[in-house]
C-alpha atoms as a PDB file:
ATOM      1  CA  MET A   1      99.053 267.780  65.210  1.00  0.00           C
ATOM      2  CA  LYS A   2     102.784 267.137  64.984  1.00  0.00           C
ATOM      3  CA  ILE A   3     103.433 270.761  64.060  1.00  0.00           C
ATOM      4  CA  ILE A   4     101.493 271.997  67.086  1.00  0.00           C
ATOM      5  CA  LEU A   5     103.304 269.680  69.496  1.00  0.00           C
ATOM      6  CA  ILE A   6     106.731 270.433  68.017  1.00  0.00           C
ATOM      7  CA  SER A   7     105.993 274.171  68.154  1.00  0.00           C
ATOM      8  CA  VAL A   8     104.896 274.077  71.792  1.00  0.00           C
ATOM      9  CA  VAL A   9     107.901 272.061  72.932  1.00  0.00           C
ATOM     10  CA  ALA A  10     110.333 274.141  70.840  1.00  0.00           C
ATOM     11  CA  ILE A  11     108.997 277.427  72.212  1.00  0.00           C
ATOM     12  CA  LEU A  12     109.003 276.211  75.802  1.00  0.00           C
ATOM     13  CA  THR A  13     112.556 274.913  75.376  1.00  0.00           C
ATOM     14  CA  ALA A  14     113.693 278.239  73.900  1.00  0.00           C
ATOM     15  CA  ILE A  15     112.113 280.112  76.805  1.00  0.00           C
ATOM     16  CA  PHE A  16     113.766 277.701  79.255  1.00  0.00           C
ATOM     17  CA  ILE A  17     117.189 278.294  77.686  1.00  0.00           C
ATOM     18  CA  ILE A  18     116.708 282.076  77.728  1.00  0.00           C
ATOM     19  CA  LYS A  19     115.727 281.955  81.400  1.00  0.00           C
ATOM     20  CA  ILE A  20     118.815 279.885  82.233  1.00  0.00           C
ATOM     21  CA  ILE A  21     121.058 282.366  80.410  1.00  0.00           C
ATOM     22  CA  ILE A  22     119.523 285.374  82.161  1.00  0.00           C
ATOM     23  CA  THR A  23     119.374 283.942  85.702  1.00  0.00           C
ATOM     24  CA  PRO A  24     121.615 280.849  86.072  1.00  0.00           C
ATOM     25  CA  PRO A  25     121.299 280.518  89.880  1.00  0.00           C
ATOM     26  CA  GLU A  26     117.569 279.826  89.570  1.00  0.00           C
ATOM     27  CA  ILE A  27     118.008 276.849  87.225  1.00  0.00           C
ATOM     28  CA  LEU A  28     115.965 274.497  89.427  1.00  0.00           C
ATOM     29  CA  ASN A  29     113.004 276.899  89.455  1.00  0.00           C
ATOM     30  CA  HIS A  30     113.262 277.307  85.688  1.00  0.00           C
ATOM     31  CA  PHE A  31     113.394 273.547  85.198  1.00  0.00           C
ATOM     32  CA  VAL A  32     110.304 273.012  87.360  1.00  0.00           C
ATOM     33  CA  ASP A  33     108.506 275.781  85.431  1.00  0.00           C
ATOM     34  CA  TYR A  34     109.526 274.097  82.176  1.00  0.00           C
ATOM     35  CA  ILE A  35     108.192 270.677  83.235  1.00  0.00           C
ATOM     36  CA  VAL A  36     104.938 272.174  84.537  1.00  0.00           C
ATOM     37  CA  SER A  37     104.507 274.178  81.330  1.00  0.00           C
ATOM     38  CA  VAL A  38     105.049 271.118  79.144  1.00  0.00           C
ATOM     39  CA  ILE A  39     102.611 269.052  81.219  1.00  0.00           C
ATOM     40  CA  THR A  40      99.928 271.740  81.012  1.00  0.00           C
ATOM     41  CA  LEU A  41     100.446 273.227  77.549  1.00  0.00           C
ATOM     42  CA  VAL A  42     100.823 270.072  75.461  1.00  0.00           C
ATOM     43  CA  PRO A  43      97.356 268.717  76.395  1.00  0.00           C
ATOM     44  CA  MET A  44      95.891 272.217  76.096  1.00  0.00           C
ATOM     45  CA  ALA A  45      97.323 272.724  72.583  1.00  0.00           C
ATOM     46  CA  THR A  46      96.152 269.262  71.571  1.00  0.00           C
ATOM     47  CA  GLY A  47      92.675 269.888  72.946  1.00  0.00           C
ATOM     48  CA  TRP A  48      92.236 273.259  71.249  1.00  0.00           C
ATOM     49  CA  THR A  49      93.452 271.830  67.956  1.00  0.00           C
ATOM     50  CA  VAL A  50      91.018 268.919  68.142  1.00  0.00           C
ATOM     51  CA  LEU A  51      88.198 271.263  69.169  1.00  0.00           C
ATOM     52  CA  GLY A  52      88.962 273.609  66.275  1.00  0.00           C
ATOM     53  CA  PHE A  53      88.920 270.807  63.721  1.00  0.00           C
ATOM     54  CA  THR A  54      85.763 269.359  65.254  1.00  0.00           C
ATOM     55  CA  ILE A  55      83.972 272.707  64.974  1.00  0.00           C
ATOM     56  CA  ALA A  56      85.245 273.180  61.416  1.00  0.00           C
ATOM     57  CA  LYS A  57      84.035 269.712  60.471  1.00  0.00           C
ATOM     58  CA  TYR A  58      80.631 270.226  62.086  1.00  0.00           C
ATOM     59  CA  PHE A  59      79.950 273.609  60.477  1.00  0.00           C
ATOM     60  CA  SER A  60      81.523 272.931  57.083  1.00  0.00           C
ATOM     61  CA  LYS A  61      79.344 273.366  54.022  1.00  0.00           C
ATOM     62  CA  GLU A  62      80.716 270.174  52.552  1.00  0.00           C
ATOM     63  CA  LYS A  63      80.016 267.173  54.699  1.00  0.00           C
ATOM     64  CA  PHE A  64      83.035 264.952  55.085  1.00  0.00           C
ATOM     65  CA  THR A  65      82.577 261.521  53.605  1.00  0.00           C
ATOM     66  CA  GLU A  66      83.820 258.425  55.296  1.00  0.00           C
ATOM     67  CA  LEU A  67      86.055 256.095  53.313  1.00  0.00           C
ATOM     68  CA  LYS A  68      84.240 252.822  52.876  1.00  0.00           C
ATOM     69  CA  LEU A  69      86.996 250.255  53.013  1.00  0.00           C
ATOM     70  CA  ASP A  70      84.655 247.299  52.607  1.00  0.00           C
ATOM     71  CA  ARG A  71      84.090 248.041  48.897  1.00  0.00           C
ATOM     72  CA  GLY A  72      87.809 248.241  48.166  1.00  0.00           C
ATOM     73  CA  TRP A  73      89.967 251.304  48.297  1.00  0.00           C
ATOM     74  CA  ASP A  74      91.193 253.010  45.152  1.00  0.00           C
ATOM     75  CA  PRO A  75      93.295 256.200  44.838  1.00  0.00           C
ATOM     76  CA  GLU A  76      90.711 257.493  42.372  1.00  0.00           C
ATOM     77  CA  ILE A  77      88.280 258.219  45.242  1.00  0.00           C
ATOM     78  CA  LEU A  78      90.688 260.741  46.750  1.00  0.00           C
ATOM     79  CA  PRO A  79      90.012 264.409  46.006  1.00  0.00           C
ATOM     80  CA  PRO A  80      92.301 266.016  43.418  1.00  0.00           C
ATOM     81  CA  PHE A  81      95.615 267.302  44.721  1.00  0.00           C
ATOM     82  CA  PRO A  82      95.493 271.094  45.177  1.00  0.00           C
ATOM     83  CA  ASP A  83      97.721 273.455  43.247  1.00  0.00           C
ATOM     84  CA  LEU A  84     101.199 273.542  44.794  1.00  0.00           C
ATOM     85  CA  LYS A  85     101.491 277.312  44.348  1.00  0.00           C
ATOM     86  CA  ARG A  86      98.419 277.894  46.505  1.00  0.00           C
ATOM     87  CA  GLN A  87      99.539 275.651  49.382  1.00  0.00           C
ATOM     88  CA  ILE A  88     101.056 277.054  52.559  1.00  0.00           C
ATOM     89  CA  LYS A  89     104.436 275.483  53.193  1.00  0.00           C
ATOM     90  CA  LYS A  90     104.953 273.645  56.493  1.00  0.00           C
ATOM     91  CA  GLY A  91     108.033 275.742  57.265  1.00  0.00           C
ATOM     92  CA  GLU A  92     106.069 278.972  56.880  1.00  0.00           C
ATOM     93  CA  SER A  93     103.286 277.844  59.189  1.00  0.00           C
ATOM     94  CA  LEU A  94     105.750 276.501  61.775  1.00  0.00           C
ATOM     95  CA  THR A  95     107.753 279.740  61.682  1.00  0.00           C
ATOM     96  CA  GLY A  96     104.557 281.767  61.979  1.00  0.00           C
ATOM     97  CA  ILE A  97     103.337 279.774  64.976  1.00  0.00           C
ATOM     98  CA  ILE A  98     106.683 280.021  66.765  1.00  0.00           C
ATOM     99  CA  PHE A  99     106.977 283.752  66.042  1.00  0.00           C
ATOM    100  CA  TYR A 100     103.407 284.445  67.162  1.00  0.00           C
ATOM    101  CA  VAL A 101     103.700 282.508  70.423  1.00  0.00           C
ATOM    102  CA  GLN A 102     107.054 284.067  71.283  1.00  0.00           C
ATOM    103  CA  ILE A 103     105.722 287.581  70.688  1.00  0.00           C
ATOM    104  CA  TRP A 104     102.567 286.744  72.649  1.00  0.00           C
ATOM    105  CA  HIS A 105     104.600 285.319  75.525  1.00  0.00           C
ATOM    106  CA  CYS A 106     107.106 288.169  75.555  1.00  0.00           C
ATOM    107  CA  GLU A 107     104.432 290.856  75.344  1.00  0.00           C
ATOM    108  CA  GLY A 108     103.336 290.256  78.902  1.00  0.00           C
ATOM    109  CA  SER A 109     106.474 288.839  80.413  1.00  0.00           C
ATOM    110  CA  PHE A 110     109.391 291.211  79.745  1.00  0.00           C
ATOM    111  CA  PHE A 111     108.948 293.531  82.684  1.00  0.00           C
ATOM    112  CA  MET A 112     111.608 294.965  84.887  1.00  0.00           C
ATOM    113  CA  LYS A 113     111.015 294.163  88.531  1.00  0.00           C
ATOM    114  CA  ASP A 114     113.555 294.914  91.223  1.00  0.00           C
ATOM    115  CA  GLY A 115     116.097 295.817  88.544  1.00  0.00           C
ATOM    116  CA  ARG A 116     115.871 292.359  86.912  1.00  0.00           C
ATOM    117  CA  ILE A 117     114.094 291.038  83.895  1.00  0.00           C
ATOM    118  CA  HIS A 118     111.457 288.487  84.857  1.00  0.00           C
ATOM    119  CA  LEU A 119     110.354 286.022  82.182  1.00  0.00           C
END
């Protein structure tokens, strides 16, 4: 969840900075757009992430087991740690998310209108 929230805020901040560099006189409009985007996109990203994990949990072949803390917790009940070579690094997934969202955002937003680039 932290990666999703950090990615959303980092991308929106990068877009905000790019907009300020391209059109400095409209800084107030860019700031309002930034605040509105943060207020709308952070809950949306959180909701879609929770929904995705809920669907994955519901339709998984293995049913998730609840930890029963009343019988005493022991590290032995944890599943074995996966092979480190097969794990996706956090930096790779964060970079992939940021790259994907920036490309997705720029795909529909870099259009010339009235001789200016509108983001």
